[in-house]
N, C-alpha and C. Protein backbone atom coordinates (compact mmCIF):
# COMPACT_ATOMS: atom_id res chain seq x y z
N MET A 1 0.84 -1.18 0.00
CA MET A 1 0.00 0.00 0.00
C MET A 1 0.88 1.25 0.00
N THR A 2 0.59 2.17 -0.89
CA THR A 2 1.37 3.38 -1.03
C THR A 2 0.90 4.44 -0.04
N HIS A 3 1.85 5.09 0.58
CA HIS A 3 1.60 6.20 1.49
C HIS A 3 1.42 7.46 0.63
N THR A 4 0.25 8.07 0.67
CA THR A 4 -0.04 9.27 -0.11
C THR A 4 -0.11 10.48 0.81
N VAL A 5 0.45 11.60 0.36
CA VAL A 5 0.44 12.84 1.14
C VAL A 5 -0.01 14.00 0.27
N HIS A 6 -0.51 15.03 0.92
CA HIS A 6 -0.70 16.30 0.22
C HIS A 6 0.62 17.04 0.38
N CYS A 7 1.41 17.03 -0.68
CA CYS A 7 2.78 17.54 -0.63
C CYS A 7 2.79 19.06 -0.43
N ALA A 8 3.47 19.51 0.62
CA ALA A 8 3.57 20.94 0.91
C ALA A 8 4.38 21.65 -0.17
N LYS A 9 5.32 20.98 -0.80
CA LYS A 9 6.17 21.60 -1.83
C LYS A 9 5.39 21.79 -3.13
N PHE A 10 4.64 20.78 -3.55
CA PHE A 10 3.95 20.81 -4.84
C PHE A 10 2.46 21.09 -4.75
N ASP A 11 1.94 21.19 -3.52
CA ASP A 11 0.51 21.45 -3.30
C ASP A 11 -0.35 20.50 -4.13
N ASN A 12 -0.05 19.20 -3.98
CA ASN A 12 -0.75 18.18 -4.75
C ASN A 12 -0.66 16.85 -4.00
N GLU A 13 -1.61 15.96 -4.26
CA GLU A 13 -1.59 14.62 -3.69
C GLU A 13 -0.60 13.77 -4.47
N LEU A 14 0.42 13.27 -3.77
CA LEU A 14 1.47 12.49 -4.41
C LEU A 14 1.90 11.36 -3.48
N ASP A 15 2.65 10.41 -4.04
CA ASP A 15 3.21 9.33 -3.23
C ASP A 15 4.18 9.90 -2.21
N GLY A 16 4.04 9.45 -0.96
CA GLY A 16 4.92 9.91 0.11
C GLY A 16 6.12 9.02 0.28
N LEU A 17 6.91 9.33 1.27
CA LEU A 17 8.09 8.54 1.60
C LEU A 17 7.67 7.22 2.23
N GLU A 18 8.52 6.22 2.14
CA GLU A 18 8.23 4.92 2.75
C GLU A 18 8.29 4.98 4.26
N LYS A 19 9.15 5.84 4.79
CA LYS A 19 9.31 6.00 6.24
C LYS A 19 9.89 7.39 6.49
N PRO A 20 9.81 7.89 7.72
CA PRO A 20 10.42 9.19 8.00
C PRO A 20 11.91 9.16 7.65
N PRO A 21 12.43 10.24 7.07
CA PRO A 21 13.82 10.25 6.62
C PRO A 21 14.84 10.26 7.76
N PHE A 22 14.41 10.66 8.95
CA PHE A 22 15.25 10.62 10.14
C PHE A 22 14.34 10.73 11.36
N PRO A 23 14.84 10.39 12.54
CA PRO A 23 14.00 10.41 13.74
C PRO A 23 13.65 11.84 14.17
N GLY A 24 12.63 11.95 14.97
CA GLY A 24 12.29 13.24 15.56
C GLY A 24 11.11 13.91 14.88
N GLU A 25 10.79 15.08 15.41
CA GLU A 25 9.63 15.84 14.97
C GLU A 25 9.73 16.27 13.51
N LEU A 26 10.89 16.77 13.09
CA LEU A 26 11.04 17.21 11.70
C LEU A 26 10.94 16.03 10.74
N GLY A 27 11.53 14.90 11.09
CA GLY A 27 11.43 13.71 10.25
C GLY A 27 9.98 13.29 10.06
N GLN A 28 9.20 13.34 11.13
CA GLN A 28 7.79 12.99 11.05
C GLN A 28 7.01 14.01 10.22
N LYS A 29 7.33 15.29 10.38
CA LYS A 29 6.66 16.33 9.61
C LYS A 29 6.92 16.15 8.11
N ILE A 30 8.14 15.81 7.77
CA ILE A 30 8.48 15.56 6.36
C ILE A 30 7.73 14.33 5.86
N TYR A 31 7.69 13.27 6.64
CA TYR A 31 6.98 12.06 6.26
C TYR A 31 5.50 12.34 6.01
N ASP A 32 4.90 13.17 6.84
CA ASP A 32 3.47 13.46 6.75
C ASP A 32 3.12 14.46 5.66
N ASN A 33 4.08 15.28 5.20
CA ASN A 33 3.74 16.42 4.34
C ASN A 33 4.56 16.55 3.06
N ILE A 34 5.51 15.66 2.83
CA ILE A 34 6.41 15.81 1.68
C ILE A 34 6.39 14.55 0.83
N SER A 35 6.29 14.73 -0.48
CA SER A 35 6.25 13.60 -1.41
C SER A 35 7.65 13.04 -1.66
N GLN A 36 7.67 11.82 -2.16
CA GLN A 36 8.95 11.20 -2.55
C GLN A 36 9.62 12.04 -3.62
N GLN A 37 8.85 12.56 -4.56
CA GLN A 37 9.40 13.38 -5.64
C GLN A 37 10.09 14.63 -5.08
N ALA A 38 9.45 15.32 -4.15
CA ALA A 38 10.05 16.51 -3.55
C ALA A 38 11.29 16.15 -2.75
N TRP A 39 11.24 15.01 -2.02
CA TRP A 39 12.40 14.57 -1.25
C TRP A 39 13.58 14.27 -2.16
N ASP A 40 13.33 13.61 -3.28
CA ASP A 40 14.41 13.30 -4.23
C ASP A 40 15.03 14.57 -4.79
N MET A 41 14.21 15.56 -5.09
CA MET A 41 14.73 16.84 -5.59
C MET A 41 15.57 17.52 -4.52
N TRP A 42 15.08 17.50 -3.26
CA TRP A 42 15.85 18.09 -2.17
C TRP A 42 17.19 17.37 -2.00
N PHE A 43 17.18 16.05 -2.09
CA PHE A 43 18.41 15.30 -1.87
C PHE A 43 19.47 15.70 -2.89
N SER A 44 19.08 15.92 -4.13
CA SER A 44 20.02 16.37 -5.17
C SER A 44 20.53 17.78 -4.86
N LEU A 45 19.63 18.67 -4.46
CA LEU A 45 20.01 20.04 -4.12
C LEU A 45 20.94 20.04 -2.91
N GLN A 46 20.62 19.24 -1.92
CA GLN A 46 21.44 19.15 -0.72
C GLN A 46 22.86 18.72 -1.07
N THR A 47 22.98 17.73 -1.92
CA THR A 47 24.30 17.24 -2.34
C THR A 47 25.09 18.35 -3.02
N MET A 48 24.43 19.11 -3.89
CA MET A 48 25.10 20.23 -4.56
C MET A 48 25.56 21.28 -3.55
N MET A 49 24.71 21.59 -2.57
CA MET A 49 25.07 22.59 -1.56
C MET A 49 26.25 22.12 -0.72
N ILE A 50 26.24 20.87 -0.31
CA ILE A 50 27.34 20.33 0.49
C ILE A 50 28.64 20.44 -0.29
N ASN A 51 28.61 20.10 -1.56
CA ASN A 51 29.82 20.16 -2.39
C ASN A 51 30.24 21.60 -2.67
N GLU A 52 29.29 22.44 -3.05
CA GLU A 52 29.62 23.82 -3.42
C GLU A 52 30.17 24.62 -2.25
N TYR A 53 29.54 24.46 -1.08
CA TYR A 53 29.98 25.20 0.10
C TYR A 53 31.00 24.43 0.93
N ARG A 54 31.37 23.25 0.44
CA ARG A 54 32.37 22.39 1.10
C ARG A 54 32.02 22.18 2.58
N LEU A 55 30.77 21.80 2.79
CA LEU A 55 30.28 21.60 4.14
C LEU A 55 30.77 20.26 4.69
N ASP A 56 31.07 20.25 5.97
CA ASP A 56 31.45 19.04 6.68
C ASP A 56 30.26 18.65 7.53
N MET A 57 29.59 17.57 7.18
CA MET A 57 28.37 17.20 7.88
C MET A 57 28.62 16.66 9.29
N HIS A 58 29.87 16.57 9.69
CA HIS A 58 30.20 16.26 11.08
C HIS A 58 30.19 17.54 11.92
N ASP A 59 30.25 18.68 11.25
CA ASP A 59 30.26 19.98 11.92
C ASP A 59 28.83 20.42 12.24
N PRO A 60 28.54 20.72 13.51
CA PRO A 60 27.18 21.13 13.88
C PRO A 60 26.67 22.36 13.12
N ASP A 61 27.54 23.31 12.82
CA ASP A 61 27.11 24.50 12.07
C ASP A 61 26.69 24.14 10.64
N SER A 62 27.40 23.21 10.02
CA SER A 62 27.05 22.77 8.67
C SER A 62 25.71 22.04 8.68
N ARG A 63 25.51 21.17 9.67
CA ARG A 63 24.23 20.45 9.78
C ARG A 63 23.09 21.43 10.03
N LYS A 64 23.33 22.43 10.86
CA LYS A 64 22.29 23.43 11.14
C LYS A 64 21.93 24.19 9.86
N MET A 65 22.93 24.56 9.07
CA MET A 65 22.68 25.30 7.83
C MET A 65 21.86 24.46 6.85
N ILE A 66 22.21 23.19 6.70
CA ILE A 66 21.47 22.31 5.79
C ILE A 66 20.04 22.12 6.29
N THR A 67 19.86 21.95 7.58
CA THR A 67 18.52 21.78 8.15
C THR A 67 17.67 23.02 7.91
N GLU A 68 18.23 24.20 8.11
CA GLU A 68 17.50 25.44 7.87
C GLU A 68 17.09 25.55 6.40
N GLN A 69 18.01 25.23 5.50
CA GLN A 69 17.71 25.29 4.08
C GLN A 69 16.63 24.27 3.69
N MET A 70 16.69 23.09 4.30
CA MET A 70 15.69 22.06 4.02
C MET A 70 14.31 22.52 4.45
N LYS A 71 14.19 23.10 5.64
CA LYS A 71 12.90 23.60 6.11
C LYS A 71 12.35 24.66 5.18
N ARG A 72 13.20 25.57 4.75
CA ARG A 72 12.76 26.62 3.81
C ARG A 72 12.34 26.03 2.47
N TYR A 73 13.10 25.05 2.00
CA TYR A 73 12.81 24.42 0.71
C TYR A 73 11.44 23.76 0.73
N PHE A 74 11.15 23.02 1.79
CA PHE A 74 9.89 22.29 1.85
C PHE A 74 8.71 23.13 2.31
N PHE A 75 8.92 24.00 3.27
CA PHE A 75 7.80 24.65 3.93
C PHE A 75 7.76 26.17 3.77
N GLY A 76 8.70 26.74 3.04
CA GLY A 76 8.68 28.17 2.77
C GLY A 76 9.60 28.98 3.67
N LYS A 77 9.81 30.21 3.28
CA LYS A 77 10.77 31.07 3.97
C LYS A 77 10.34 31.42 5.38
N ASP A 78 9.05 31.31 5.69
CA ASP A 78 8.56 31.67 7.01
C ASP A 78 8.62 30.52 8.00
N GLU A 79 9.12 29.37 7.55
CA GLU A 79 9.22 28.22 8.45
C GLU A 79 10.22 28.53 9.56
N LYS A 80 9.86 28.20 10.79
CA LYS A 80 10.77 28.40 11.92
C LYS A 80 12.00 27.53 11.72
N THR A 81 13.15 28.11 11.99
CA THR A 81 14.40 27.38 11.79
C THR A 81 15.16 27.15 13.10
N ASP A 82 14.47 27.25 14.24
CA ASP A 82 15.17 27.07 15.51
C ASP A 82 15.45 25.65 15.84
């Protein structure tokens, strides 16, 4: 059975993720509101950002920056980034 969501990125009913992409509240919010298609697009963009800005994902500041960008990408510029 396919998990269907009303995708916040595309404002349309689409196939959702198979499971939350990571634990916690944000992972659940993405699972409930983001399509697989939007997640795949984000994953490509995230990879480009990590490479372009030479981010070290072991560094807390780099992880925070990617998380903030992800929230904005999926939920808009007014999404809380705390």
